[in-house]
Amino acid sequence: MKYTVIIRAGNESGYVATVPALPGCVSQGRTRRQTLCNAKEAIEAYIEALLEDGLGVPVQTDAELVDVEVSAR
């Protein structure tokens, strides 16, 4: 399975990763590479927990990431 992972700079340091298709699936790390590795582990643990609880695993639907520039007055 493939999931989109969004990586942003952390508030204080490092990076934070979120997985939109898996609500509450969040990870962090000191570097982007470490954050992505940690996010992969978080996704695997998230899915394992769902399966253990007999719940369905969300499948990511096609998503398009688009940057939108706006101006504010």
N, C-alpha and C. Protein backbone atom coordinates (compact mmCIF):
# COMPACT_ATOMS: atom_id res chain seq x y z
N MET A 1 0.84 -1.18 0.00
CA MET A 1 0.00 0.00 0.00
C MET A 1 0.89 1.24 0.00
N LYS A 2 0.36 2.29 -0.56
CA LYS A 2 1.08 3.57 -0.58
C LYS A 2 0.21 4.63 0.07
N TYR A 3 0.88 5.49 0.86
CA TYR A 3 0.20 6.60 1.52
C TYR A 3 1.00 7.87 1.32
N THR A 4 0.30 8.97 1.18
CA THR A 4 0.94 10.28 1.11
C THR A 4 1.35 10.69 2.51
N VAL A 5 2.59 11.14 2.65
CA VAL A 5 3.11 11.63 3.92
C VAL A 5 3.46 13.10 3.73
N ILE A 6 2.96 13.95 4.60
CA ILE A 6 3.26 15.38 4.53
C ILE A 6 4.27 15.69 5.62
N ILE A 7 5.40 16.26 5.21
CA ILE A 7 6.47 16.59 6.15
C ILE A 7 6.57 18.11 6.24
N ARG A 8 6.53 18.60 7.49
CA ARG A 8 6.66 20.04 7.74
C ARG A 8 7.73 20.27 8.79
N ALA A 9 8.29 21.47 8.78
CA ALA A 9 9.25 21.84 9.82
C ALA A 9 8.52 21.87 11.16
N GLY A 10 9.16 21.35 12.21
CA GLY A 10 8.56 21.35 13.53
C GLY A 10 8.51 22.75 14.11
N ASN A 11 7.67 22.95 15.12
CA ASN A 11 7.55 24.27 15.74
C ASN A 11 8.84 24.72 16.40
N GLU A 12 9.55 23.80 17.03
CA GLU A 12 10.77 24.17 17.74
C GLU A 12 12.01 23.69 17.01
N SER A 13 11.97 22.45 16.49
CA SER A 13 13.10 21.92 15.74
C SER A 13 12.66 20.66 15.03
N GLY A 14 13.48 20.16 14.14
CA GLY A 14 13.18 18.93 13.43
C GLY A 14 11.99 19.04 12.51
N TYR A 15 11.38 17.89 12.25
CA TYR A 15 10.27 17.82 11.30
C TYR A 15 9.14 16.97 11.87
N VAL A 16 7.94 17.21 11.35
CA VAL A 16 6.76 16.46 11.76
C VAL A 16 6.12 15.90 10.49
N ALA A 17 5.73 14.63 10.54
CA ALA A 17 5.08 13.98 9.41
C ALA A 17 3.66 13.60 9.78
N THR A 18 2.73 13.85 8.87
CA THR A 18 1.35 13.44 9.05
C THR A 18 0.93 12.62 7.84
N VAL A 19 -0.05 11.74 8.05
CA VAL A 19 -0.56 10.88 6.99
C VAL A 19 -2.06 11.16 6.88
N PRO A 20 -2.46 11.98 5.91
CA PRO A 20 -3.87 12.39 5.82
C PRO A 20 -4.87 11.25 5.75
N ALA A 21 -4.53 10.15 5.11
CA ALA A 21 -5.46 9.03 4.97
C ALA A 21 -5.63 8.24 6.26
N LEU A 22 -4.72 8.45 7.22
CA LEU A 22 -4.77 7.72 8.49
C LEU A 22 -4.86 8.73 9.63
N PRO A 23 -6.06 9.14 10.01
CA PRO A 23 -6.25 10.17 11.03
C PRO A 23 -5.49 9.85 12.32
N GLY A 24 -4.72 10.81 12.79
CA GLY A 24 -3.97 10.63 14.03
C GLY A 24 -2.61 9.99 13.84
N CYS A 25 -2.28 9.59 12.62
CA CYS A 25 -0.97 8.97 12.36
C CYS A 25 0.04 10.10 12.13
N VAL A 26 0.85 10.34 13.16
CA VAL A 26 1.81 11.44 13.15
C VAL A 26 3.14 10.92 13.67
N SER A 27 4.23 11.43 13.11
CA SER A 27 5.55 11.05 13.57
C SER A 27 6.46 12.27 13.46
N GLN A 28 7.67 12.14 13.98
CA GLN A 28 8.60 13.26 13.92
C GLN A 28 10.04 12.74 13.86
N GLY A 29 10.97 13.64 13.60
CA GLY A 29 12.38 13.28 13.57
C GLY A 29 13.24 14.51 13.48
N ARG A 30 14.54 14.32 13.67
CA ARG A 30 15.47 15.46 13.62
C ARG A 30 15.75 15.90 12.18
N THR A 31 15.78 14.93 11.25
CA THR A 31 16.02 15.24 9.84
C THR A 31 14.82 14.78 9.01
N ARG A 32 14.75 15.26 7.78
CA ARG A 32 13.66 14.83 6.90
C ARG A 32 13.72 13.32 6.67
N ARG A 33 14.93 12.83 6.47
CA ARG A 33 15.12 11.39 6.22
C ARG A 33 14.66 10.56 7.43
N GLN A 34 15.07 10.97 8.61
CA GLN A 34 14.68 10.26 9.83
C GLN A 34 13.17 10.35 10.03
N THR A 35 12.60 11.50 9.73
CA THR A 35 11.16 11.69 9.88
C THR A 35 10.40 10.77 8.94
N LEU A 36 10.85 10.63 7.72
CA LEU A 36 10.19 9.75 6.76
C LEU A 36 10.30 8.29 7.21
N CYS A 37 11.45 7.89 7.71
CA CYS A 37 11.64 6.54 8.23
C CYS A 37 10.70 6.29 9.41
N ASN A 38 10.62 7.25 10.32
CA ASN A 38 9.73 7.13 11.47
C ASN A 38 8.27 7.09 11.04
N ALA A 39 7.93 7.84 10.00
CA ALA A 39 6.55 7.85 9.50
C ALA A 39 6.19 6.47 8.95
N LYS A 40 7.12 5.84 8.25
CA LYS A 40 6.86 4.50 7.72
C LYS A 40 6.58 3.53 8.86
N GLU A 41 7.37 3.60 9.91
CA GLU A 41 7.15 2.74 11.07
C GLU A 41 5.79 3.04 11.73
N ALA A 42 5.43 4.32 11.80
CA ALA A 42 4.15 4.71 12.39
C ALA A 42 2.98 4.18 11.56
N ILE A 43 3.10 4.23 10.25
CA ILE A 43 2.05 3.71 9.37
C ILE A 43 1.88 2.21 9.59
N GLU A 44 3.00 1.50 9.64
CA GLU A 44 2.93 0.05 9.84
C GLU A 44 2.28 -0.28 11.18
N ALA A 45 2.65 0.43 12.24
CA ALA A 45 2.07 0.19 13.57
C ALA A 45 0.59 0.54 13.57
N TYR A 46 0.21 1.61 12.92
CA TYR A 46 -1.18 2.04 12.83
C TYR A 46 -2.02 0.95 12.18
N ILE A 47 -1.53 0.43 11.04
CA ILE A 47 -2.27 -0.60 10.31
C ILE A 47 -2.35 -1.89 11.13
N GLU A 48 -1.26 -2.27 11.78
CA GLU A 48 -1.26 -3.46 12.63
C GLU A 48 -2.30 -3.34 13.75
N ALA A 49 -2.39 -2.16 14.35
CA ALA A 49 -3.36 -1.94 15.44
C ALA A 49 -4.79 -2.06 14.91
N LEU A 50 -5.05 -1.52 13.73
CA LEU A 50 -6.38 -1.64 13.15
C LEU A 50 -6.74 -3.10 12.92
N LEU A 51 -5.81 -3.85 12.35
CA LEU A 51 -6.06 -5.26 12.06
C LEU A 51 -6.28 -6.06 13.34
N GLU A 52 -5.48 -5.78 14.37
CA GLU A 52 -5.65 -6.47 15.66
C GLU A 52 -7.02 -6.20 16.27
N ASP A 53 -7.54 -5.00 16.02
CA ASP A 53 -8.85 -4.64 16.55
C ASP A 53 -9.99 -5.05 15.63
N GLY A 54 -9.65 -5.72 14.52
CA GLY A 54 -10.67 -6.16 13.58
C GLY A 54 -11.29 -5.05 12.76
N LEU A 55 -10.58 -3.96 12.63
CA LEU A 55 -11.09 -2.80 11.88
C LEU A 55 -10.51 -2.80 10.47
N GLY A 56 -11.20 -2.14 9.58
CA GLY A 56 -10.73 -2.03 8.21
C GLY A 56 -9.57 -1.04 8.09
N VAL A 57 -8.75 -1.26 7.11
CA VAL A 57 -7.60 -0.39 6.86
C VAL A 57 -7.98 0.62 5.78
N PRO A 58 -7.89 1.92 6.09
CA PRO A 58 -8.21 2.93 5.08
C PRO A 58 -7.26 2.82 3.89
N VAL A 59 -7.83 2.93 2.72
CA VAL A 59 -7.04 2.92 1.50
C VAL A 59 -7.02 4.34 0.98
N GLN A 60 -5.84 4.79 0.64
CA GLN A 60 -5.74 6.16 0.12
C GLN A 60 -6.32 6.21 -1.28
N THR A 61 -7.22 7.15 -1.49
CA THR A 61 -7.75 7.36 -2.83
C THR A 61 -6.80 8.29 -3.55
N ASP A 62 -6.94 8.36 -4.84
CA ASP A 62 -6.08 9.25 -5.61
C ASP A 62 -6.18 10.66 -5.04
N ALA A 63 -5.04 11.24 -4.81
CA ALA A 63 -4.99 12.58 -4.25
C ALA A 63 -4.10 13.44 -5.14
N GLU A 64 -4.45 14.68 -5.22
CA GLU A 64 -3.65 15.63 -5.98
C GLU A 64 -3.23 16.73 -5.02
N LEU A 65 -1.94 16.91 -4.87
CA LEU A 65 -1.43 17.98 -4.02
C LEU A 65 -1.20 19.21 -4.89
N VAL A 66 -1.80 20.30 -4.50
CA VAL A 66 -1.72 21.52 -5.28
C VAL A 66 -1.38 22.67 -4.34
N ASP A 67 -0.38 23.47 -4.70
CA ASP A 67 -0.07 24.67 -3.96
C ASP A 67 -0.92 25.81 -4.51
N VAL A 68 -1.56 26.53 -3.63
CA VAL A 68 -2.43 27.63 -4.05
C VAL A 68 -1.88 28.90 -3.42
N GLU A 69 -1.61 29.90 -4.23
CA GLU A 69 -1.11 31.18 -3.73
C GLU A 69 -2.27 32.14 -3.60
N VAL A 70 -2.39 32.78 -2.45
CA VAL A 70 -3.47 33.75 -2.23
C VAL A 70 -2.86 35.05 -1.71
N SER A 71 -3.60 36.10 -1.86
CA SER A 71 -3.15 37.37 -1.30
C SER A 71 -4.19 37.83 -0.30
N ALA A 72 -3.73 38.39 0.78
CA ALA A 72 -4.62 38.90 1.82
C ALA A 72 -4.40 40.40 1.97
N ARG A 73 -5.44 41.08 2.28
CA ARG A 73 -5.32 42.54 2.44
C ARG A 73 -5.01 42.91 3.84
